[in-house]
Amino acid sequence: MITKIGITAGDIWNYLDHKGRVSLEELLEHTQVSRDLLMMSLGWLAREGHVLVDSENGQHFAQLR
């Protein structure tokens, strides 16, 4: 499982590097992984200080630091 989390984290990183701030729904669509796997990967990146996650009008967004 840790391998899947790492691969998804890399995919998220690359996508955010090209797109900037995006919604979690857009990330789910792009990565085509389960919501749980997406959240674990985002958590990993956030814990390492690589991404910021915030919310606006009830929608969550992620972007690189």
N, C-alpha and C. Protein backbone atom coordinates (compact mmCIF):
# COMPACT_ATOMS: atom_id res chain seq x y z
N MET A 1 0.82 -1.20 0.00
CA MET A 1 0.00 0.00 0.00
C MET A 1 0.86 1.26 0.00
N ILE A 2 1.98 1.23 0.72
CA ILE A 2 2.83 2.42 0.78
C ILE A 2 3.33 2.80 -0.61
N THR A 3 3.53 1.81 -1.47
CA THR A 3 3.99 2.09 -2.83
C THR A 3 2.90 2.83 -3.60
N LYS A 4 1.65 2.39 -3.46
CA LYS A 4 0.54 3.06 -4.14
C LYS A 4 0.39 4.50 -3.65
N ILE A 5 0.55 4.70 -2.34
CA ILE A 5 0.45 6.05 -1.78
C ILE A 5 1.55 6.93 -2.36
N GLY A 6 2.77 6.41 -2.44
CA GLY A 6 3.89 7.17 -2.98
C GLY A 6 3.73 7.50 -4.45
N ILE A 7 3.27 6.54 -5.22
CA ILE A 7 3.06 6.77 -6.65
C ILE A 7 1.97 7.81 -6.86
N THR A 8 0.89 7.71 -6.10
CA THR A 8 -0.19 8.69 -6.21
C THR A 8 0.28 10.06 -5.76
N ALA A 9 1.08 10.13 -4.72
CA ALA A 9 1.63 11.41 -4.26
C ALA A 9 2.46 12.05 -5.36
N GLY A 10 3.25 11.26 -6.06
CA GLY A 10 4.04 11.79 -7.18
C GLY A 10 3.17 12.30 -8.30
N ASP A 11 2.10 11.57 -8.59
CA ASP A 11 1.16 12.00 -9.63
C ASP A 11 0.48 13.31 -9.23
N ILE A 12 0.08 13.41 -7.95
CA ILE A 12 -0.53 14.65 -7.46
C ILE A 12 0.46 15.80 -7.58
N TRP A 13 1.69 15.57 -7.15
CA TRP A 13 2.73 16.61 -7.19
C TRP A 13 2.89 17.14 -8.63
N ASN A 14 3.04 16.22 -9.58
CA ASN A 14 3.22 16.63 -10.97
C ASN A 14 2.01 17.39 -11.51
N TYR A 15 0.82 16.92 -11.17
CA TYR A 15 -0.39 17.59 -11.63
C TYR A 15 -0.50 19.00 -11.05
N LEU A 16 -0.23 19.14 -9.76
CA LEU A 16 -0.28 20.47 -9.13
C LEU A 16 0.81 21.38 -9.67
N ASP A 17 1.95 20.82 -10.00
CA ASP A 17 3.04 21.61 -10.56
C ASP A 17 2.63 22.22 -11.90
N HIS A 18 1.82 21.51 -12.66
CA HIS A 18 1.38 22.01 -13.97
C HIS A 18 0.11 22.84 -13.90
N LYS A 19 -0.79 22.51 -12.98
CA LYS A 19 -2.11 23.16 -12.94
C LYS A 19 -2.25 24.23 -11.88
N GLY A 20 -1.43 24.21 -10.85
CA GLY A 20 -1.60 25.17 -9.76
C GLY A 20 -2.65 24.67 -8.77
N ARG A 21 -3.46 25.57 -8.26
CA ARG A 21 -4.49 25.23 -7.27
C ARG A 21 -5.66 24.54 -7.97
N VAL A 22 -6.01 23.36 -7.48
CA VAL A 22 -7.12 22.60 -8.07
C VAL A 22 -8.00 22.02 -6.95
N SER A 23 -9.22 21.71 -7.29
CA SER A 23 -10.15 21.10 -6.33
C SER A 23 -9.79 19.63 -6.13
N LEU A 24 -10.20 19.11 -4.98
CA LEU A 24 -9.97 17.69 -4.73
C LEU A 24 -10.76 16.83 -5.71
N GLU A 25 -11.92 17.32 -6.14
CA GLU A 25 -12.70 16.59 -7.14
C GLU A 25 -11.92 16.48 -8.45
N GLU A 26 -11.24 17.55 -8.85
CA GLU A 26 -10.42 17.51 -10.06
C GLU A 26 -9.27 16.52 -9.89
N LEU A 27 -8.65 16.50 -8.71
CA LEU A 27 -7.58 15.55 -8.44
C LEU A 27 -8.09 14.11 -8.50
N LEU A 28 -9.27 13.88 -7.95
CA LEU A 28 -9.87 12.55 -8.01
C LEU A 28 -10.09 12.12 -9.45
N GLU A 29 -10.59 13.03 -10.26
CA GLU A 29 -10.84 12.73 -11.67
C GLU A 29 -9.53 12.44 -12.40
N HIS A 30 -8.51 13.25 -12.13
CA HIS A 30 -7.22 13.09 -12.81
C HIS A 30 -6.53 11.79 -12.40
N THR A 31 -6.46 11.53 -11.10
CA THR A 31 -5.69 10.38 -10.63
C THR A 31 -6.44 9.06 -10.82
N GLN A 32 -7.75 9.13 -10.83
CA GLN A 32 -8.60 7.94 -10.98
C GLN A 32 -8.27 6.87 -9.93
N VAL A 33 -8.07 7.34 -8.69
CA VAL A 33 -7.86 6.44 -7.55
C VAL A 33 -9.02 6.64 -6.58
N SER A 34 -9.09 5.79 -5.57
CA SER A 34 -10.15 5.95 -4.57
C SER A 34 -9.92 7.24 -3.77
N ARG A 35 -11.00 7.75 -3.21
CA ARG A 35 -10.90 8.96 -2.38
C ARG A 35 -9.96 8.71 -1.20
N ASP A 36 -10.02 7.51 -0.62
CA ASP A 36 -9.14 7.18 0.52
C ASP A 36 -7.67 7.26 0.12
N LEU A 37 -7.33 6.68 -1.02
CA LEU A 37 -5.94 6.70 -1.48
C LEU A 37 -5.50 8.13 -1.78
N LEU A 38 -6.37 8.92 -2.40
CA LEU A 38 -6.05 10.32 -2.67
C LEU A 38 -5.76 11.06 -1.38
N MET A 39 -6.61 10.86 -0.37
CA MET A 39 -6.43 11.56 0.91
C MET A 39 -5.16 11.12 1.63
N MET A 40 -4.84 9.82 1.57
CA MET A 40 -3.59 9.36 2.19
C MET A 40 -2.39 10.00 1.50
N SER A 41 -2.43 10.09 0.19
CA SER A 41 -1.32 10.68 -0.57
C SER A 41 -1.20 12.18 -0.31
N LEU A 42 -2.33 12.87 -0.26
CA LEU A 42 -2.31 14.30 0.06
C LEU A 42 -1.80 14.52 1.49
N GLY A 43 -2.22 13.65 2.40
CA GLY A 43 -1.75 13.76 3.78
C GLY A 43 -0.25 13.60 3.87
N TRP A 44 0.29 12.68 3.10
CA TRP A 44 1.74 12.47 3.07
C TRP A 44 2.43 13.76 2.58
N LEU A 45 1.94 14.30 1.48
CA LEU A 45 2.53 15.52 0.93
C LEU A 45 2.38 16.69 1.89
N ALA A 46 1.23 16.80 2.54
CA ALA A 46 1.00 17.89 3.50
C ALA A 46 1.91 17.75 4.71
N ARG A 47 2.06 16.53 5.21
CA ARG A 47 2.91 16.29 6.38
C ARG A 47 4.36 16.65 6.08
N GLU A 48 4.78 16.41 4.86
CA GLU A 48 6.14 16.74 4.45
C GLU A 48 6.30 18.22 4.11
N GLY A 49 5.19 18.97 4.14
CA GLY A 49 5.24 20.41 3.89
C GLY A 49 5.25 20.77 2.41
N HIS A 50 4.81 19.88 1.55
CA HIS A 50 4.86 20.12 0.11
C HIS A 50 3.58 20.72 -0.47
N VAL A 51 2.45 20.50 0.19
CA VAL A 51 1.18 21.02 -0.33
C VAL A 51 0.42 21.76 0.76
N LEU A 52 -0.44 22.65 0.30
CA LEU A 52 -1.40 23.33 1.16
C LEU A 52 -2.78 22.86 0.75
N VAL A 53 -3.61 22.56 1.72
CA VAL A 53 -5.00 22.18 1.44
C VAL A 53 -5.87 23.19 2.17
N ASP A 54 -6.83 23.78 1.46
CA ASP A 54 -7.73 24.74 2.08
C ASP A 54 -9.14 24.53 1.53
N SER A 55 -10.07 25.29 2.05
CA SER A 55 -11.44 25.16 1.56
C SER A 55 -12.03 26.54 1.31
N GLU A 56 -12.98 26.55 0.39
CA GLU A 56 -13.65 27.78 0.01
C GLU A 56 -15.07 27.41 -0.41
N ASN A 57 -16.05 28.01 0.24
CA ASN A 57 -17.46 27.73 -0.07
C ASN A 57 -17.78 26.24 -0.04
N GLY A 58 -17.23 25.52 0.92
CA GLY A 58 -17.52 24.11 1.08
C GLY A 58 -16.77 23.18 0.14
N GLN A 59 -15.91 23.74 -0.70
CA GLN A 59 -15.12 22.91 -1.63
C GLN A 59 -13.66 22.96 -1.18
N HIS A 60 -12.96 21.82 -1.26
CA HIS A 60 -11.57 21.73 -0.83
C HIS A 60 -10.63 21.83 -2.03
N PHE A 61 -9.49 22.49 -1.81
CA PHE A 61 -8.50 22.72 -2.86
C PHE A 61 -7.11 22.36 -2.35
N ALA A 62 -6.24 22.01 -3.28
CA ALA A 62 -4.84 21.72 -2.96
C ALA A 62 -3.94 22.48 -3.92
N GLN A 63 -2.76 22.84 -3.43
CA GLN A 63 -1.76 23.50 -4.26
C GLN A 63 -0.39 23.24 -3.65
N LEU A 64 0.64 23.36 -4.47
CA LEU A 64 2.00 23.21 -3.96
C LEU A 64 2.35 24.42 -3.12
N ARG A 65 3.21 24.22 -2.15
CA ARG A 65 3.70 25.34 -1.33
C ARG A 65 4.63 26.19 -2.10
